[in-house]
Structure formats: structure tokens, C-alpha cells
Amino acid sequence: VAYIAGASFMAFFLLFGDFFTPDYR
């Protein structure tokens, strides 16, 4: 369960992390 939580954190930001950067556009 802890692994799933940590890996899901990584997967989420790999997919959507660019949208949290100021210059993504």
C-alpha cells in the first residue's frame, strides 16, 4: 500500500506535473 502511494505520487506528477510549472504554456 505504501509503495502504491509513493509510485502513484510519481505517476501523477509525471503525467500532470508540467501543468504546475509557471511557463508550461
PDBML (XML) file of the C-alpha atoms, coordinates in Angstrom:
<?xml version="1.0" encoding="UTF-8" ?>
<PDBx:datablock datablockName="MODEL"
   xmlns:PDBx="http://pdbml.pdb.org/schema/pdbx-v50.xsd"
   xmlns:xsi="http://www.w3.org/2001/XMLSchema-instance"
   xsi:schemaLocation="http://pdbml.pdb.org/schema/pdbx-v50.xsd pdbx-v50.xsd">
   <PDBx:atom_siteCategory>
      <PDBx:atom_site id="1">
         <PDBx:B_iso_or_equiv>0.00</PDBx:B_iso_or_equiv>
         <PDBx:Cartn_x>0.000</PDBx:Cartn_x>
         <PDBx:Cartn_y>0.000</PDBx:Cartn_y>
         <PDBx:Cartn_z>0.000</PDBx:Cartn_z>
         <PDBx:auth_asym_id>A</PDBx:auth_asym_id>
         <PDBx:auth_atom_id>CA</PDBx:auth_atom_id>
         <PDBx:auth_comp_id>VAL</PDBx:auth_comp_id>
         <PDBx:auth_seq_id>1</PDBx:auth_seq_id>
         <PDBx:group_PDB>ATOM</PDBx:group_PDB>
         <PDBx:label_alt_id xsi:nil="true" />
         <PDBx:label_asym_id>A</PDBx:label_asym_id>
         <PDBx:label_atom_id>CA</PDBx:label_atom_id>
         <PDBx:label_comp_id>VAL</PDBx:label_comp_id>
         <PDBx:label_entity_id>1</PDBx:label_entity_id>
         <PDBx:label_seq_id>1</PDBx:label_seq_id>
         <PDBx:occupancy>1.00</PDBx:occupancy>
         <PDBx:pdbx_PDB_model_num>1</PDBx:pdbx_PDB_model_num>
         <PDBx:type_symbol>C</PDBx:type_symbol>
      </PDBx:atom_site>
      <PDBx:atom_site id="2">
         <PDBx:B_iso_or_equiv>0.00</PDBx:B_iso_or_equiv>
         <PDBx:Cartn_x>2.853</PDBx:Cartn_x>
         <PDBx:Cartn_y>2.378</PDBx:Cartn_y>
         <PDBx:Cartn_z>0.835</PDBx:Cartn_z>
         <PDBx:auth_asym_id>A</PDBx:auth_asym_id>
         <PDBx:auth_atom_id>CA</PDBx:auth_atom_id>
         <PDBx:auth_comp_id>ALA</PDBx:auth_comp_id>
         <PDBx:auth_seq_id>2</PDBx:auth_seq_id>
         <PDBx:group_PDB>ATOM</PDBx:group_PDB>
         <PDBx:label_alt_id xsi:nil="true" />
         <PDBx:label_asym_id>A</PDBx:label_asym_id>
         <PDBx:label_atom_id>CA</PDBx:label_atom_id>
         <PDBx:label_comp_id>ALA</PDBx:label_comp_id>
         <PDBx:label_entity_id>1</PDBx:label_entity_id>
         <PDBx:label_seq_id>2</PDBx:label_seq_id>
         <PDBx:occupancy>1.00</PDBx:occupancy>
         <PDBx:pdbx_PDB_model_num>1</PDBx:pdbx_PDB_model_num>
         <PDBx:type_symbol>C</PDBx:type_symbol>
      </PDBx:atom_site>
      <PDBx:atom_site id="3">
         <PDBx:B_iso_or_equiv>0.00</PDBx:B_iso_or_equiv>
         <PDBx:Cartn_x>4.573</PDBx:Cartn_x>
         <PDBx:Cartn_y>1.523</PDBx:Cartn_y>
         <PDBx:Cartn_z>-2.440</PDBx:Cartn_z>
         <PDBx:auth_asym_id>A</PDBx:auth_asym_id>
         <PDBx:auth_atom_id>CA</PDBx:auth_atom_id>
         <PDBx:auth_comp_id>TYR</PDBx:auth_comp_id>
         <PDBx:auth_seq_id>3</PDBx:auth_seq_id>
         <PDBx:group_PDB>ATOM</PDBx:group_PDB>
         <PDBx:label_alt_id xsi:nil="true" />
         <PDBx:label_asym_id>A</PDBx:label_asym_id>
         <PDBx:label_atom_id>CA</PDBx:label_atom_id>
         <PDBx:label_comp_id>TYR</PDBx:label_comp_id>
         <PDBx:label_entity_id>1</PDBx:label_entity_id>
         <PDBx:label_seq_id>3</PDBx:label_seq_id>
         <PDBx:occupancy>1.00</PDBx:occupancy>
         <PDBx:pdbx_PDB_model_num>1</PDBx:pdbx_PDB_model_num>
         <PDBx:type_symbol>C</PDBx:type_symbol>
      </PDBx:atom_site>
      <PDBx:atom_site id="4">
         <PDBx:B_iso_or_equiv>0.00</PDBx:B_iso_or_equiv>
         <PDBx:Cartn_x>1.357</PDBx:Cartn_x>
         <PDBx:Cartn_y>2.158</PDBx:Cartn_y>
         <PDBx:Cartn_z>-4.399</PDBx:Cartn_z>
         <PDBx:auth_asym_id>A</PDBx:auth_asym_id>
         <PDBx:auth_atom_id>CA</PDBx:auth_atom_id>
         <PDBx:auth_comp_id>ILE</PDBx:auth_comp_id>
         <PDBx:auth_seq_id>4</PDBx:auth_seq_id>
         <PDBx:group_PDB>ATOM</PDBx:group_PDB>
         <PDBx:label_alt_id xsi:nil="true" />
         <PDBx:label_asym_id>A</PDBx:label_asym_id>
         <PDBx:label_atom_id>CA</PDBx:label_atom_id>
         <PDBx:label_comp_id>ILE</PDBx:label_comp_id>
         <PDBx:label_entity_id>1</PDBx:label_entity_id>
         <PDBx:label_seq_id>4</PDBx:label_seq_id>
         <PDBx:occupancy>1.00</PDBx:occupancy>
         <PDBx:pdbx_PDB_model_num>1</PDBx:pdbx_PDB_model_num>
         <PDBx:type_symbol>C</PDBx:type_symbol>
      </PDBx:atom_site>
      <PDBx:atom_site id="5">
         <PDBx:B_iso_or_equiv>0.00</PDBx:B_iso_or_equiv>
         <PDBx:Cartn_x>1.010</PDBx:Cartn_x>
         <PDBx:Cartn_y>5.552</PDBx:Cartn_y>
         <PDBx:Cartn_z>-2.687</PDBx:Cartn_z>
         <PDBx:auth_asym_id>A</PDBx:auth_asym_id>
         <PDBx:auth_atom_id>CA</PDBx:auth_atom_id>
         <PDBx:auth_comp_id>ALA</PDBx:auth_comp_id>
         <PDBx:auth_seq_id>5</PDBx:auth_seq_id>
         <PDBx:group_PDB>ATOM</PDBx:group_PDB>
         <PDBx:label_alt_id xsi:nil="true" />
         <PDBx:label_asym_id>A</PDBx:label_asym_id>
         <PDBx:label_atom_id>CA</PDBx:label_atom_id>
         <PDBx:label_comp_id>ALA</PDBx:label_comp_id>
         <PDBx:label_entity_id>1</PDBx:label_entity_id>
         <PDBx:label_seq_id>5</PDBx:label_seq_id>
         <PDBx:occupancy>1.00</PDBx:occupancy>
         <PDBx:pdbx_PDB_model_num>1</PDBx:pdbx_PDB_model_num>
         <PDBx:type_symbol>C</PDBx:type_symbol>
      </PDBx:atom_site>
      <PDBx:atom_site id="6">
         <PDBx:B_iso_or_equiv>0.00</PDBx:B_iso_or_equiv>
         <PDBx:Cartn_x>4.603</PDBx:Cartn_x>
         <PDBx:Cartn_y>6.581</PDBx:Cartn_y>
         <PDBx:Cartn_z>-3.477</PDBx:Cartn_z>
         <PDBx:auth_asym_id>A</PDBx:auth_asym_id>
         <PDBx:auth_atom_id>CA</PDBx:auth_atom_id>
         <PDBx:auth_comp_id>GLY</PDBx:auth_comp_id>
         <PDBx:auth_seq_id>6</PDBx:auth_seq_id>
         <PDBx:group_PDB>ATOM</PDBx:group_PDB>
         <PDBx:label_alt_id xsi:nil="true" />
         <PDBx:label_asym_id>A</PDBx:label_asym_id>
         <PDBx:label_atom_id>CA</PDBx:label_atom_id>
         <PDBx:label_comp_id>GLY</PDBx:label_comp_id>
         <PDBx:label_entity_id>1</PDBx:label_entity_id>
         <PDBx:label_seq_id>6</PDBx:label_seq_id>
         <PDBx:occupancy>1.00</PDBx:occupancy>
         <PDBx:pdbx_PDB_model_num>1</PDBx:pdbx_PDB_model_num>
         <PDBx:type_symbol>C</PDBx:type_symbol>
      </PDBx:atom_site>
      <PDBx:atom_site id="7">
         <PDBx:B_iso_or_equiv>0.00</PDBx:B_iso_or_equiv>
         <PDBx:Cartn_x>4.527</PDBx:Cartn_x>
         <PDBx:Cartn_y>5.291</PDBx:Cartn_y>
         <PDBx:Cartn_z>-7.041</PDBx:Cartn_z>
         <PDBx:auth_asym_id>A</PDBx:auth_asym_id>
         <PDBx:auth_atom_id>CA</PDBx:auth_atom_id>
         <PDBx:auth_comp_id>ALA</PDBx:auth_comp_id>
         <PDBx:auth_seq_id>7</PDBx:auth_seq_id>
         <PDBx:group_PDB>ATOM</PDBx:group_PDB>
         <PDBx:label_alt_id xsi:nil="true" />
         <PDBx:label_asym_id>A</PDBx:label_asym_id>
         <PDBx:label_atom_id>CA</PDBx:label_atom_id>
         <PDBx:label_comp_id>ALA</PDBx:label_comp_id>
         <PDBx:label_entity_id>1</PDBx:label_entity_id>
         <PDBx:label_seq_id>7</PDBx:label_seq_id>
         <PDBx:occupancy>1.00</PDBx:occupancy>
         <PDBx:pdbx_PDB_model_num>1</PDBx:pdbx_PDB_model_num>
         <PDBx:type_symbol>C</PDBx:type_symbol>
      </PDBx:atom_site>
      <PDBx:atom_site id="8">
         <PDBx:B_iso_or_equiv>0.00</PDBx:B_iso_or_equiv>
         <PDBx:Cartn_x>1.130</PDBx:Cartn_x>
         <PDBx:Cartn_y>6.903</PDBx:Cartn_y>
         <PDBx:Cartn_z>-7.662</PDBx:Cartn_z>
         <PDBx:auth_asym_id>A</PDBx:auth_asym_id>
         <PDBx:auth_atom_id>CA</PDBx:auth_atom_id>
         <PDBx:auth_comp_id>SER</PDBx:auth_comp_id>
         <PDBx:auth_seq_id>8</PDBx:auth_seq_id>
         <PDBx:group_PDB>ATOM</PDBx:group_PDB>
         <PDBx:label_alt_id xsi:nil="true" />
         <PDBx:label_asym_id>A</PDBx:label_asym_id>
         <PDBx:label_atom_id>CA</PDBx:label_atom_id>
         <PDBx:label_comp_id>SER</PDBx:label_comp_id>
         <PDBx:label_entity_id>1</PDBx:label_entity_id>
         <PDBx:label_seq_id>8</PDBx:label_seq_id>
         <PDBx:occupancy>1.00</PDBx:occupancy>
         <PDBx:pdbx_PDB_model_num>1</PDBx:pdbx_PDB_model_num>
         <PDBx:type_symbol>C</PDBx:type_symbol>
      </PDBx:atom_site>
      <PDBx:atom_site id="9">
         <PDBx:B_iso_or_equiv>0.00</PDBx:B_iso_or_equiv>
         <PDBx:Cartn_x>2.571</PDBx:Cartn_x>
         <PDBx:Cartn_y>10.230</PDBx:Cartn_y>
         <PDBx:Cartn_z>-6.499</PDBx:Cartn_z>
         <PDBx:auth_asym_id>A</PDBx:auth_asym_id>
         <PDBx:auth_atom_id>CA</PDBx:auth_atom_id>
         <PDBx:auth_comp_id>PHE</PDBx:auth_comp_id>
         <PDBx:auth_seq_id>9</PDBx:auth_seq_id>
         <PDBx:group_PDB>ATOM</PDBx:group_PDB>
         <PDBx:label_alt_id xsi:nil="true" />
         <PDBx:label_asym_id>A</PDBx:label_asym_id>
         <PDBx:label_atom_id>CA</PDBx:label_atom_id>
         <PDBx:label_comp_id>PHE</PDBx:label_comp_id>
         <PDBx:label_entity_id>1</PDBx:label_entity_id>
         <PDBx:label_seq_id>9</PDBx:label_seq_id>
         <PDBx:occupancy>1.00</PDBx:occupancy>
         <PDBx:pdbx_PDB_model_num>1</PDBx:pdbx_PDB_model_num>
         <PDBx:type_symbol>C</PDBx:type_symbol>
      </PDBx:atom_site>
      <PDBx:atom_site id="10">
         <PDBx:B_iso_or_equiv>0.00</PDBx:B_iso_or_equiv>
         <PDBx:Cartn_x>5.346</PDBx:Cartn_x>
         <PDBx:Cartn_y>9.817</PDBx:Cartn_y>
         <PDBx:Cartn_z>-9.063</PDBx:Cartn_z>
         <PDBx:auth_asym_id>A</PDBx:auth_asym_id>
         <PDBx:auth_atom_id>CA</PDBx:auth_atom_id>
         <PDBx:auth_comp_id>MET</PDBx:auth_comp_id>
         <PDBx:auth_seq_id>10</PDBx:auth_seq_id>
         <PDBx:group_PDB>ATOM</PDBx:group_PDB>
         <PDBx:label_alt_id xsi:nil="true" />
         <PDBx:label_asym_id>A</PDBx:label_asym_id>
         <PDBx:label_atom_id>CA</PDBx:label_atom_id>
         <PDBx:label_comp_id>MET</PDBx:label_comp_id>
         <PDBx:label_entity_id>1</PDBx:label_entity_id>
         <PDBx:label_seq_id>10</PDBx:label_seq_id>
         <PDBx:occupancy>1.00</PDBx:occupancy>
         <PDBx:pdbx_PDB_model_num>1</PDBx:pdbx_PDB_model_num>
         <PDBx:type_symbol>C</PDBx:type_symbol>
      </PDBx:atom_site>
      <PDBx:atom_site id="11">
         <PDBx:B_iso_or_equiv>0.00</PDBx:B_iso_or_equiv>
         <PDBx:Cartn_x>2.946</PDBx:Cartn_x>
         <PDBx:Cartn_y>8.739</PDBx:Cartn_y>
         <PDBx:Cartn_z>-11.822</PDBx:Cartn_z>
         <PDBx:auth_asym_id>A</PDBx:auth_asym_id>
         <PDBx:auth_atom_id>CA</PDBx:auth_atom_id>
         <PDBx:auth_comp_id>ALA</PDBx:auth_comp_id>
         <PDBx:auth_seq_id>11</PDBx:auth_seq_id>
         <PDBx:group_PDB>ATOM</PDBx:group_PDB>
         <PDBx:label_alt_id xsi:nil="true" />
         <PDBx:label_asym_id>A</PDBx:label_asym_id>
         <PDBx:label_atom_id>CA</PDBx:label_atom_id>
         <PDBx:label_comp_id>ALA</PDBx:label_comp_id>
         <PDBx:label_entity_id>1</PDBx:label_entity_id>
         <PDBx:label_seq_id>11</PDBx:label_seq_id>
         <PDBx:occupancy>1.00</PDBx:occupancy>
         <PDBx:pdbx_PDB_model_num>1</PDBx:pdbx_PDB_model_num>
         <PDBx:type_symbol>C</PDBx:type_symbol>
      </PDBx:atom_site>
      <PDBx:atom_site id="12">
         <PDBx:B_iso_or_equiv>0.00</PDBx:B_iso_or_equiv>
         <PDBx:Cartn_x>0.593</PDBx:Cartn_x>
         <PDBx:Cartn_y>11.663</PDBx:Cartn_y>
         <PDBx:Cartn_z>-11.188</PDBx:Cartn_z>
         <PDBx:auth_asym_id>A</PDBx:auth_asym_id>
         <PDBx:auth_atom_id>CA</PDBx:auth_atom_id>
         <PDBx:auth_comp_id>PHE</PDBx:auth_comp_id>
         <PDBx:auth_seq_id>12</PDBx:auth_seq_id>
         <PDBx:group_PDB>ATOM</PDBx:group_PDB>
         <PDBx:label_alt_id xsi:nil="true" />
         <PDBx:label_asym_id>A</PDBx:label_asym_id>
         <PDBx:label_atom_id>CA</PDBx:label_atom_id>
         <PDBx:label_comp_id>PHE</PDBx:label_comp_id>
         <PDBx:label_entity_id>1</PDBx:label_entity_id>
         <PDBx:label_seq_id>12</PDBx:label_seq_id>
         <PDBx:occupancy>1.00</PDBx:occupancy>
         <PDBx:pdbx_PDB_model_num>1</PDBx:pdbx_PDB_model_num>
         <PDBx:type_symbol>C</PDBx:type_symbol>
      </PDBx:atom_site>
      <PDBx:atom_site id="13">
         <PDBx:B_iso_or_equiv>0.00</PDBx:B_iso_or_equiv>
         <PDBx:Cartn_x>3.335</PDBx:Cartn_x>
         <PDBx:Cartn_y>14.277</PDBx:Cartn_y>
         <PDBx:Cartn_z>-11.423</PDBx:Cartn_z>
         <PDBx:auth_asym_id>A</PDBx:auth_asym_id>
         <PDBx:auth_atom_id>CA</PDBx:auth_atom_id>
         <PDBx:auth_comp_id>PHE</PDBx:auth_comp_id>
         <PDBx:auth_seq_id>13</PDBx:auth_seq_id>
         <PDBx:group_PDB>ATOM</PDBx:group_PDB>
         <PDBx:label_alt_id xsi:nil="true" />
         <PDBx:label_asym_id>A</PDBx:label_asym_id>
         <PDBx:label_atom_id>CA</PDBx:label_atom_id>
         <PDBx:label_comp_id>PHE</PDBx:label_comp_id>
         <PDBx:label_entity_id>1</PDBx:label_entity_id>
         <PDBx:label_seq_id>13</PDBx:label_seq_id>
         <PDBx:occupancy>1.00</PDBx:occupancy>
         <PDBx:pdbx_PDB_model_num>1</PDBx:pdbx_PDB_model_num>
         <PDBx:type_symbol>C</PDBx:type_symbol>
      </PDBx:atom_site>
      <PDBx:atom_site id="14">
         <PDBx:B_iso_or_equiv>0.00</PDBx:B_iso_or_equiv>
         <PDBx:Cartn_x>4.992</PDBx:Cartn_x>
         <PDBx:Cartn_y>12.618</PDBx:Cartn_y>
         <PDBx:Cartn_z>-14.419</PDBx:Cartn_z>
         <PDBx:auth_asym_id>A</PDBx:auth_asym_id>
         <PDBx:auth_atom_id>CA</PDBx:auth_atom_id>
         <PDBx:auth_comp_id>LEU</PDBx:auth_comp_id>
         <PDBx:auth_seq_id>14</PDBx:auth_seq_id>
         <PDBx:group_PDB>ATOM</PDBx:group_PDB>
         <PDBx:label_alt_id xsi:nil="true" />
         <PDBx:label_asym_id>A</PDBx:label_asym_id>
         <PDBx:label_atom_id>CA</PDBx:label_atom_id>
         <PDBx:label_comp_id>LEU</PDBx:label_comp_id>
         <PDBx:label_entity_id>1</PDBx:label_entity_id>
         <PDBx:label_seq_id>14</PDBx:label_seq_id>
         <PDBx:occupancy>1.00</PDBx:occupancy>
         <PDBx:pdbx_PDB_model_num>1</PDBx:pdbx_PDB_model_num>
         <PDBx:type_symbol>C</PDBx:type_symbol>
      </PDBx:atom_site>
      <PDBx:atom_site id="15">
         <PDBx:B_iso_or_equiv>0.00</PDBx:B_iso_or_equiv>
         <PDBx:Cartn_x>1.681</PDBx:Cartn_x>
         <PDBx:Cartn_y>12.927</PDBx:Cartn_y>
         <PDBx:Cartn_z>-16.254</PDBx:Cartn_z>
         <PDBx:auth_asym_id>A</PDBx:auth_asym_id>
         <PDBx:auth_atom_id>CA</PDBx:auth_atom_id>
         <PDBx:auth_comp_id>LEU</PDBx:auth_comp_id>
         <PDBx:auth_seq_id>15</PDBx:auth_seq_id>
         <PDBx:group_PDB>ATOM</PDBx:group_PDB>
         <PDBx:label_alt_id xsi:nil="true" />
         <PDBx:label_asym_id>A</PDBx:label_asym_id>
         <PDBx:label_atom_id>CA</PDBx:label_atom_id>
         <PDBx:label_comp_id>LEU</PDBx:label_comp_id>
         <PDBx:label_entity_id>1</PDBx:label_entity_id>
         <PDBx:label_seq_id>15</PDBx:label_seq_id>
         <PDBx:occupancy>1.00</PDBx:occupancy>
         <PDBx:pdbx_PDB_model_num>1</PDBx:pdbx_PDB_model_num>
         <PDBx:type_symbol>C</PDBx:type_symbol>
      </PDBx:atom_site>
      <PDBx:atom_site id="16">
         <PDBx:B_iso_or_equiv>0.00</PDBx:B_iso_or_equiv>
         <PDBx:Cartn_x>0.379</PDBx:Cartn_x>
         <PDBx:Cartn_y>16.262</PDBx:Cartn_y>
         <PDBx:Cartn_z>-14.935</PDBx:Cartn_z>
         <PDBx:auth_asym_id>A</PDBx:auth_asym_id>
         <PDBx:auth_atom_id>CA</PDBx:auth_atom_id>
         <PDBx:auth_comp_id>PHE</PDBx:auth_comp_id>
         <PDBx:auth_seq_id>16</PDBx:auth_seq_id>
         <PDBx:group_PDB>ATOM</PDBx:group_PDB>
         <PDBx:label_alt_id xsi:nil="true" />
         <PDBx:label_asym_id>A</PDBx:label_asym_id>
         <PDBx:label_atom_id>CA</PDBx:label_atom_id>
         <PDBx:label_comp_id>PHE</PDBx:label_comp_id>
         <PDBx:label_entity_id>1</PDBx:label_entity_id>
         <PDBx:label_seq_id>16</PDBx:label_seq_id>
         <PDBx:occupancy>1.00</PDBx:occupancy>
         <PDBx:pdbx_PDB_model_num>1</PDBx:pdbx_PDB_model_num>
         <PDBx:type_symbol>C</PDBx:type_symbol>
      </PDBx:atom_site>
      <PDBx:atom_site id="17">
         <PDBx:B_iso_or_equiv>0.00</PDBx:B_iso_or_equiv>
         <PDBx:Cartn_x>3.371</PDBx:Cartn_x>
         <PDBx:Cartn_y>17.937</PDBx:Cartn_y>
         <PDBx:Cartn_z>-13.268</PDBx:Cartn_z>
         <PDBx:auth_asym_id>A</PDBx:auth_asym_id>
         <PDBx:auth_atom_id>CA</PDBx:auth_atom_id>
         <PDBx:auth_comp_id>GLY</PDBx:auth_comp_id>
         <PDBx:auth_seq_id>17</PDBx:auth_seq_id>
         <PDBx:group_PDB>ATOM</PDBx:group_PDB>
         <PDBx:label_alt_id xsi:nil="true" />
         <PDBx:label_asym_id>A</PDBx:label_asym_id>
         <PDBx:label_atom_id>CA</PDBx:label_atom_id>
         <PDBx:label_comp_id>GLY</PDBx:label_comp_id>
         <PDBx:label_entity_id>1</PDBx:label_entity_id>
         <PDBx:label_seq_id>17</PDBx:label_seq_id>
         <PDBx:occupancy>1.00</PDBx:occupancy>
         <PDBx:pdbx_PDB_model_num>1</PDBx:pdbx_PDB_model_num>
         <PDBx:type_symbol>C</PDBx:type_symbol>
      </PDBx:atom_site>
      <PDBx:atom_site id="18">
         <PDBx:B_iso_or_equiv>0.00</PDBx:B_iso_or_equiv>
         <PDBx:Cartn_x>4.120</PDBx:Cartn_x>
         <PDBx:Cartn_y>20.128</PDBx:Cartn_y>
         <PDBx:Cartn_z>-16.270</PDBx:Cartn_z>
         <PDBx:auth_asym_id>A</PDBx:auth_asym_id>
         <PDBx:auth_atom_id>CA</PDBx:auth_atom_id>
         <PDBx:auth_comp_id>ASP</PDBx:auth_comp_id>
         <PDBx:auth_seq_id>18</PDBx:auth_seq_id>
         <PDBx:group_PDB>ATOM</PDBx:group_PDB>
         <PDBx:label_alt_id xsi:nil="true" />
         <PDBx:label_asym_id>A</PDBx:label_asym_id>
         <PDBx:label_atom_id>CA</PDBx:label_atom_id>
         <PDBx:label_comp_id>ASP</PDBx:label_comp_id>
         <PDBx:label_entity_id>1</PDBx:label_entity_id>
         <PDBx:label_seq_id>18</PDBx:label_seq_id>
         <PDBx:occupancy>1.00</PDBx:occupancy>
         <PDBx:pdbx_PDB_model_num>1</PDBx:pdbx_PDB_model_num>
         <PDBx:type_symbol>C</PDBx:type_symbol>
      </PDBx:atom_site>
      <PDBx:atom_site id="19">
         <PDBx:B_iso_or_equiv>0.00</PDBx:B_iso_or_equiv>
         <PDBx:Cartn_x>0.849</PDBx:Cartn_x>
         <PDBx:Cartn_y>21.970</PDBx:Cartn_y>
         <PDBx:Cartn_z>-15.660</PDBx:Cartn_z>
         <PDBx:auth_asym_id>A</PDBx:auth_asym_id>
         <PDBx:auth_atom_id>CA</PDBx:auth_atom_id>
         <PDBx:auth_comp_id>PHE</PDBx:auth_comp_id>
         <PDBx:auth_seq_id>19</PDBx:auth_seq_id>
         <PDBx:group_PDB>ATOM</PDBx:group_PDB>
         <PDBx:label_alt_id xsi:nil="true" />
         <PDBx:label_asym_id>A</PDBx:label_asym_id>
         <PDBx:label_atom_id>CA</PDBx:label_atom_id>
         <PDBx:label_comp_id>PHE</PDBx:label_comp_id>
         <PDBx:label_entity_id>1</PDBx:label_entity_id>
         <PDBx:label_seq_id>19</PDBx:label_seq_id>
         <PDBx:occupancy>1.00</PDBx:occupancy>
         <PDBx:pdbx_PDB_model_num>1</PDBx:pdbx_PDB_model_num>
         <PDBx:type_symbol>C</PDBx:type_symbol>
      </PDBx:atom_site>
      <PDBx:atom_site id="20">
         <PDBx:B_iso_or_equiv>0.00</PDBx:B_iso_or_equiv>
         <PDBx:Cartn_x>2.101</PDBx:Cartn_x>
         <PDBx:Cartn_y>23.076</PDBx:Cartn_y>
         <PDBx:Cartn_z>-12.216</PDBx:Cartn_z>
         <PDBx:auth_asym_id>A</PDBx:auth_asym_id>
         <PDBx:auth_atom_id>CA</PDBx:auth_atom_id>
         <PDBx:auth_comp_id>PHE</PDBx:auth_comp_id>
         <PDBx:auth_seq_id>20</PDBx:auth_seq_id>
         <PDBx:group_PDB>ATOM</PDBx:group_PDB>
         <PDBx:label_alt_id xsi:nil="true" />
         <PDBx:label_asym_id>A</PDBx:label_asym_id>
         <PDBx:label_atom_id>CA</PDBx:label_atom_id>
         <PDBx:label_comp_id>PHE</PDBx:label_comp_id>
         <PDBx:label_entity_id>1</PDBx:label_entity_id>
         <PDBx:label_seq_id>20</PDBx:label_seq_id>
         <PDBx:occupancy>1.00</PDBx:occupancy>
         <PDBx:pdbx_PDB_model_num>1</PDBx:pdbx_PDB_model_num>
         <PDBx:type_symbol>C</PDBx:type_symbol>
      </PDBx:atom_site>
      <PDBx:atom_site id="21">
         <PDBx:B_iso_or_equiv>0.00</PDBx:B_iso_or_equiv>
         <PDBx:Cartn_x>5.080</PDBx:Cartn_x>
         <PDBx:Cartn_y>24.952</PDBx:Cartn_y>
         <PDBx:Cartn_z>-13.673</PDBx:Cartn_z>
         <PDBx:auth_asym_id>A</PDBx:auth_asym_id>
         <PDBx:auth_atom_id>CA</PDBx:auth_atom_id>
         <PDBx:auth_comp_id>THR</PDBx:auth_comp_id>
         <PDBx:auth_seq_id>21</PDBx:auth_seq_id>
         <PDBx:group_PDB>ATOM</PDBx:group_PDB>
         <PDBx:label_alt_id xsi:nil="true" />
         <PDBx:label_asym_id>A</PDBx:label_asym_id>
         <PDBx:label_atom_id>CA</PDBx:label_atom_id>
         <PDBx:label_comp_id>THR</PDBx:label_comp_id>
         <PDBx:label_entity_id>1</PDBx:label_entity_id>
         <PDBx:label_seq_id>21</PDBx:label_seq_id>
         <PDBx:occupancy>1.00</PDBx:occupancy>
         <PDBx:pdbx_PDB_model_num>1</PDBx:pdbx_PDB_model_num>
         <PDBx:type_symbol>C</PDBx:type_symbol>
      </PDBx:atom_site>
      <PDBx:atom_site id="22">
         <PDBx:B_iso_or_equiv>0.00</PDBx:B_iso_or_equiv>
         <PDBx:Cartn_x>4.702</PDBx:Cartn_x>
         <PDBx:Cartn_y>28.695</PDBx:Cartn_y>
         <PDBx:Cartn_z>-14.410</PDBx:Cartn_z>
         <PDBx:auth_asym_id>A</PDBx:auth_asym_id>
         <PDBx:auth_atom_id>CA</PDBx:auth_atom_id>
         <PDBx:auth_comp_id>PRO</PDBx:auth_comp_id>
         <PDBx:auth_seq_id>22</PDBx:auth_seq_id>
         <PDBx:group_PDB>ATOM</PDBx:group_PDB>
         <PDBx:label_alt_id xsi:nil="true" />
         <PDBx:label_asym_id>A</PDBx:label_asym_id>
         <PDBx:label_atom_id>CA</PDBx:label_atom_id>
         <PDBx:label_comp_id>PRO</PDBx:label_comp_id>
         <PDBx:label_entity_id>1</PDBx:label_entity_id>
         <PDBx:label_seq_id>22</PDBx:label_seq_id>
         <PDBx:occupancy>1.00</PDBx:occupancy>
         <PDBx:pdbx_PDB_model_num>1</PDBx:pdbx_PDB_model_num>
         <PDBx:type_symbol>C</PDBx:type_symbol>
      </PDBx:atom_site>
      <PDBx:atom_site id="23">
         <PDBx:B_iso_or_equiv>0.00</PDBx:B_iso_or_equiv>
         <PDBx:Cartn_x>5.957</PDBx:Cartn_x>
         <PDBx:Cartn_y>28.508</PDBx:Cartn_y>
         <PDBx:Cartn_z>-18.004</PDBx:Cartn_z>
         <PDBx:auth_asym_id>A</PDBx:auth_asym_id>
         <PDBx:auth_atom_id>CA</PDBx:auth_atom_id>
         <PDBx:auth_comp_id>ASP</PDBx:auth_comp_id>
         <PDBx:auth_seq_id>23</PDBx:auth_seq_id>
         <PDBx:group_PDB>ATOM</PDBx:group_PDB>
         <PDBx:label_alt_id xsi:nil="true" />
         <PDBx:label_asym_id>A</PDBx:label_asym_id>
         <PDBx:label_atom_id>CA</PDBx:label_atom_id>
         <PDBx:label_comp_id>ASP</PDBx:label_comp_id>
         <PDBx:label_entity_id>1</PDBx:label_entity_id>
         <PDBx:label_seq_id>23</PDBx:label_seq_id>
         <PDBx:occupancy>1.00</PDBx:occupancy>
         <PDBx:pdbx_PDB_model_num>1</PDBx:pdbx_PDB_model_num>
         <PDBx:type_symbol>C</PDBx:type_symbol>
      </PDBx:atom_site>
      <PDBx:atom_site id="24">
         <PDBx:B_iso_or_equiv>0.00</PDBx:B_iso_or_equiv>
         <PDBx:Cartn_x>4.124</PDBx:Cartn_x>
         <PDBx:Cartn_y>25.377</PDBx:Cartn_y>
         <PDBx:Cartn_z>-19.120</PDBx:Cartn_z>
         <PDBx:auth_asym_id>A</PDBx:auth_asym_id>
         <PDBx:auth_atom_id>CA</PDBx:auth_atom_id>
         <PDBx:auth_comp_id>TYR</PDBx:auth_comp_id>
         <PDBx:auth_seq_id>24</PDBx:auth_seq_id>
         <PDBx:group_PDB>ATOM</PDBx:group_PDB>
         <PDBx:label_alt_id xsi:nil="true" />
         <PDBx:label_asym_id>A</PDBx:label_asym_id>
         <PDBx:label_atom_id>CA</PDBx:label_atom_id>
         <PDBx:label_comp_id>TYR</PDBx:label_comp_id>
         <PDBx:label_entity_id>1</PDBx:label_entity_id>
         <PDBx:label_seq_id>24</PDBx:label_seq_id>
         <PDBx:occupancy>1.00</PDBx:occupancy>
         <PDBx:pdbx_PDB_model_num>1</PDBx:pdbx_PDB_model_num>
         <PDBx:type_symbol>C</PDBx:type_symbol>
      </PDBx:atom_site>
      <PDBx:atom_site id="25">
         <PDBx:B_iso_or_equiv>0.00</PDBx:B_iso_or_equiv>
         <PDBx:Cartn_x>2.230</PDBx:Cartn_x>
         <PDBx:Cartn_y>27.177</PDBx:Cartn_y>
         <PDBx:Cartn_z>-21.911</PDBx:Cartn_z>
         <PDBx:auth_asym_id>A</PDBx:auth_asym_id>
         <PDBx:auth_atom_id>CA</PDBx:auth_atom_id>
         <PDBx:auth_comp_id>ARG</PDBx:auth_comp_id>
         <PDBx:auth_seq_id>25</PDBx:auth_seq_id>
         <PDBx:group_PDB>ATOM</PDBx:group_PDB>
         <PDBx:label_alt_id xsi:nil="true" />
         <PDBx:label_asym_id>A</PDBx:label_asym_id>
         <PDBx:label_atom_id>CA</PDBx:label_atom_id>
         <PDBx:label_comp_id>ARG</PDBx:label_comp_id>
         <PDBx:label_entity_id>1</PDBx:label_entity_id>
         <PDBx:label_seq_id>25</PDBx:label_seq_id>
         <PDBx:occupancy>1.00</PDBx:occupancy>
         <PDBx:pdbx_PDB_model_num>1</PDBx:pdbx_PDB_model_num>
         <PDBx:type_symbol>C</PDBx:type_symbol>
      </PDBx:atom_site>
   </PDBx:atom_siteCategory>
</PDBx:datablock>
